[in-house]
Every structure is written in structure tokens, then in C-alpha cells.
Amino acid sequence: MPTYTEAMTRLEAIVRSIESGEMDVDSLTAQLQEAKTLVKLCRQHLTTIDQEVKKILEDDQAPNVKEN
């Protein structure tokens, strides 16, 4: 599974390739399918990161309890 950065780099390459207008229909279909998969992966990464950040912030705001 690629990292978020790797997936975004690949998505950017796909976009450049599509925008160039030089690919045939079969390649376009395959590239769009790959892009769809990469977008889903990026969303999952961002959701996970968002949840982790929220947990860290919640833990940071919890009152400190001293044990005797």
C-alpha cells in the first residue's frame, strides 16, 4: 500500500498524462481506474490522520490527574 505522498505523486502524474491529451482511450480508462483507487486510498489516509490528531488533541486537553 503506498503512502499518502506516494499516492498523491502518482495522482499528479496521472493528471499530467491525461491533460497532455496524448493517451488512447484504453490507457485513459486504466489511468482513471487507478486514479479512482488512489483517491480512495488518500481519503482513507486523511480520515485516519484526522482521527489520530483529534485523539491527540483530546488527550492533551484532558485534565491531569495526580495519583497519591
N, C-alpha and C. Protein backbone atom coordinates (compact mmCIF):
# COMPACT_ATOMS: atom_id res chain seq x y z
N MET A 1 0.85 -1.17 0.00
CA MET A 1 0.00 0.00 0.00
C MET A 1 0.90 1.24 0.00
N PRO A 2 0.68 2.14 -0.95
CA PRO A 2 1.51 3.34 -0.99
C PRO A 2 1.17 4.30 0.14
N THR A 3 2.13 5.12 0.48
CA THR A 3 1.88 6.17 1.46
C THR A 3 1.02 7.25 0.81
N TYR A 4 0.55 8.17 1.62
CA TYR A 4 -0.25 9.27 1.10
C TYR A 4 0.56 10.06 0.08
N THR A 5 1.81 10.36 0.39
CA THR A 5 2.66 11.13 -0.51
C THR A 5 2.90 10.40 -1.82
N GLU A 6 3.14 9.11 -1.74
CA GLU A 6 3.34 8.32 -2.96
C GLU A 6 2.07 8.31 -3.82
N ALA A 7 0.93 8.15 -3.18
CA ALA A 7 -0.34 8.14 -3.91
C ALA A 7 -0.60 9.49 -4.57
N MET A 8 -0.35 10.58 -3.86
CA MET A 8 -0.55 11.91 -4.43
C MET A 8 0.40 12.16 -5.60
N THR A 9 1.63 11.72 -5.47
CA THR A 9 2.60 11.88 -6.55
C THR A 9 2.13 11.14 -7.79
N ARG A 10 1.63 9.93 -7.61
CA ARG A 10 1.13 9.14 -8.74
C ARG A 10 -0.12 9.80 -9.33
N LEU A 11 -1.02 10.31 -8.48
CA LEU A 11 -2.20 11.01 -8.98
C LEU A 11 -1.81 12.23 -9.83
N GLU A 12 -0.84 12.97 -9.37
CA GLU A 12 -0.38 14.13 -10.13
C GLU A 12 0.17 13.70 -11.48
N ALA A 13 0.89 12.58 -11.53
CA ALA A 13 1.43 12.08 -12.79
C ALA A 13 0.30 11.66 -13.73
N ILE A 14 -0.73 11.04 -13.18
CA ILE A 14 -1.88 10.64 -13.99
C ILE A 14 -2.58 11.86 -14.57
N VAL A 15 -2.77 12.88 -13.74
CA VAL A 15 -3.43 14.11 -14.21
C VAL A 15 -2.62 14.75 -15.34
N ARG A 16 -1.31 14.83 -15.16
CA ARG A 16 -0.46 15.39 -16.23
C ARG A 16 -0.60 14.59 -17.51
N SER A 17 -0.63 13.28 -17.37
CA SER A 17 -0.76 12.40 -18.53
C SER A 17 -2.10 12.60 -19.23
N ILE A 18 -3.17 12.71 -18.46
CA ILE A 18 -4.50 12.94 -19.04
C ILE A 18 -4.56 14.31 -19.71
N GLU A 19 -4.03 15.31 -19.03
CA GLU A 19 -4.07 16.67 -19.57
C GLU A 19 -3.25 16.82 -20.85
N SER A 20 -2.26 15.98 -21.02
CA SER A 20 -1.44 16.07 -22.23
C SER A 20 -2.25 15.72 -23.48
N GLY A 21 -3.31 14.92 -23.30
CA GLY A 21 -4.18 14.56 -24.41
C GLY A 21 -3.56 13.56 -25.38
N GLU A 22 -2.47 12.95 -25.01
CA GLU A 22 -1.76 12.06 -25.92
C GLU A 22 -2.03 10.58 -25.66
N MET A 23 -2.93 10.25 -24.76
CA MET A 23 -3.15 8.83 -24.48
C MET A 23 -4.40 8.34 -25.19
N ASP A 24 -4.39 7.05 -25.52
CA ASP A 24 -5.55 6.46 -26.20
C ASP A 24 -6.63 6.13 -25.17
N VAL A 25 -7.79 5.77 -25.68
CA VAL A 25 -8.96 5.51 -24.82
C VAL A 25 -8.69 4.38 -23.84
N ASP A 26 -8.04 3.32 -24.28
CA ASP A 26 -7.76 2.19 -23.38
C ASP A 26 -6.85 2.62 -22.23
N SER A 27 -5.85 3.40 -22.53
CA SER A 27 -4.96 3.89 -21.48
C SER A 27 -5.70 4.84 -20.55
N LEU A 28 -6.55 5.66 -21.13
CA LEU A 28 -7.31 6.61 -20.32
C LEU A 28 -8.18 5.87 -19.31
N THR A 29 -8.85 4.82 -19.75
CA THR A 29 -9.70 4.05 -18.86
C THR A 29 -8.90 3.45 -17.71
N ALA A 30 -7.75 2.87 -18.03
CA ALA A 30 -6.91 2.26 -17.00
C ALA A 30 -6.38 3.32 -16.03
N GLN A 31 -5.98 4.48 -16.56
CA GLN A 31 -5.46 5.56 -15.72
C GLN A 31 -6.56 6.10 -14.79
N LEU A 32 -7.76 6.25 -15.32
CA LEU A 32 -8.87 6.74 -14.49
C LEU A 32 -9.21 5.75 -13.39
N GLN A 33 -9.14 4.46 -13.68
CA GLN A 33 -9.42 3.45 -12.66
C GLN A 33 -8.35 3.51 -11.56
N GLU A 34 -7.09 3.64 -11.98
CA GLU A 34 -6.00 3.75 -11.00
C GLU A 34 -6.18 5.01 -10.15
N ALA A 35 -6.55 6.11 -10.79
CA ALA A 35 -6.75 7.37 -10.07
C ALA A 35 -7.87 7.23 -9.05
N LYS A 36 -8.94 6.55 -9.43
CA LYS A 36 -10.07 6.34 -8.51
C LYS A 36 -9.60 5.57 -7.28
N THR A 37 -8.81 4.54 -7.49
CA THR A 37 -8.28 3.74 -6.38
C THR A 37 -7.37 4.59 -5.49
N LEU A 38 -6.53 5.41 -6.11
CA LEU A 38 -5.61 6.25 -5.35
C LEU A 38 -6.35 7.32 -4.55
N VAL A 39 -7.40 7.89 -5.12
CA VAL A 39 -8.20 8.89 -4.39
C VAL A 39 -8.83 8.25 -3.16
N LYS A 40 -9.36 7.05 -3.31
CA LYS A 40 -9.95 6.33 -2.18
C LYS A 40 -8.90 6.10 -1.09
N LEU A 41 -7.72 5.68 -1.50
CA LEU A 41 -6.63 5.45 -0.55
C LEU A 41 -6.25 6.74 0.18
N CYS A 42 -6.15 7.84 -0.56
CA CYS A 42 -5.80 9.12 0.06
C CYS A 42 -6.86 9.55 1.07
N ARG A 43 -8.13 9.35 0.72
CA ARG A 43 -9.21 9.70 1.66
C ARG A 43 -9.10 8.88 2.94
N GLN A 44 -8.79 7.59 2.79
CA GLN A 44 -8.63 6.73 3.96
C GLN A 44 -7.47 7.21 4.83
N HIS A 45 -6.35 7.57 4.19
CA HIS A 45 -5.20 8.08 4.94
C HIS A 45 -5.59 9.35 5.69
N LEU A 46 -6.27 10.27 5.01
CA LEU A 46 -6.64 11.53 5.65
C LEU A 46 -7.62 11.33 6.79
N THR A 47 -8.56 10.41 6.62
CA THR A 47 -9.52 10.11 7.69
C THR A 47 -8.79 9.56 8.92
N THR A 48 -7.87 8.65 8.68
CA THR A 48 -7.10 8.06 9.78
C THR A 48 -6.28 9.12 10.49
N ILE A 49 -5.62 9.98 9.73
CA ILE A 49 -4.80 11.04 10.31
C ILE A 49 -5.67 12.01 11.10
N ASP A 50 -6.83 12.36 10.56
CA ASP A 50 -7.75 13.26 11.24
C ASP A 50 -8.17 12.67 12.59
N GLN A 51 -8.50 11.39 12.61
CA GLN A 51 -8.90 10.74 13.86
C GLN A 51 -7.75 10.73 14.86
N GLU A 52 -6.53 10.47 14.38
CA GLU A 52 -5.38 10.44 15.28
C GLU A 52 -5.10 11.82 15.86
N VAL A 53 -5.21 12.85 15.03
CA VAL A 53 -4.97 14.22 15.52
C VAL A 53 -6.02 14.60 16.55
N LYS A 54 -7.28 14.28 16.28
CA LYS A 54 -8.35 14.59 17.24
C LYS A 54 -8.10 13.90 18.57
N LYS A 55 -7.67 12.64 18.52
CA LYS A 55 -7.40 11.90 19.75
C LYS A 55 -6.25 12.54 20.52
N ILE A 56 -5.21 12.93 19.82
CA ILE A 56 -4.06 13.57 20.47
C ILE A 56 -4.50 14.87 21.13
N LEU A 57 -5.30 15.67 20.42
CA LEU A 57 -5.77 16.94 20.97
C LEU A 57 -6.69 16.72 22.16
N GLU A 58 -7.54 15.71 22.09
CA GLU A 58 -8.43 15.40 23.22
C GLU A 58 -7.62 14.96 24.43
N ASP A 59 -6.62 14.11 24.19
CA ASP A 59 -5.77 13.64 25.29
C ASP A 59 -5.00 14.80 25.92
N ASP A 60 -4.61 15.75 25.08
CA ASP A 60 -3.85 16.90 25.56
C ASP A 60 -4.72 17.81 26.42
N GLN A 61 -6.02 17.85 26.16
CA GLN A 61 -6.91 18.73 26.90
C GLN A 61 -7.54 18.05 28.12
N ALA A 62 -7.32 16.75 28.26
CA ALA A 62 -7.86 16.06 29.43
C ALA A 62 -7.15 16.56 30.68
N PRO A 63 -7.87 16.71 31.77
CA PRO A 63 -7.24 17.20 32.99
C PRO A 63 -6.20 16.19 33.50
N ASN A 64 -5.14 16.75 34.01
CA ASN A 64 -4.10 15.88 34.58
C ASN A 64 -4.57 15.39 35.95
N VAL A 65 -4.55 14.11 36.12
CA VAL A 65 -4.97 13.52 37.39
C VAL A 65 -3.72 13.00 38.09
N LYS A 66 -3.54 13.48 39.29
CA LYS A 66 -2.39 13.03 40.07
C LYS A 66 -2.83 11.92 40.99
N GLU A 67 -2.05 10.85 40.97
CA GLU A 67 -2.35 9.76 41.88
C GLU A 67 -1.56 9.94 43.16
N ASN A 68 -2.15 9.56 44.29
CA ASN A 68 -1.48 9.68 45.59
C ASN A 68 -0.73 8.44 45.91
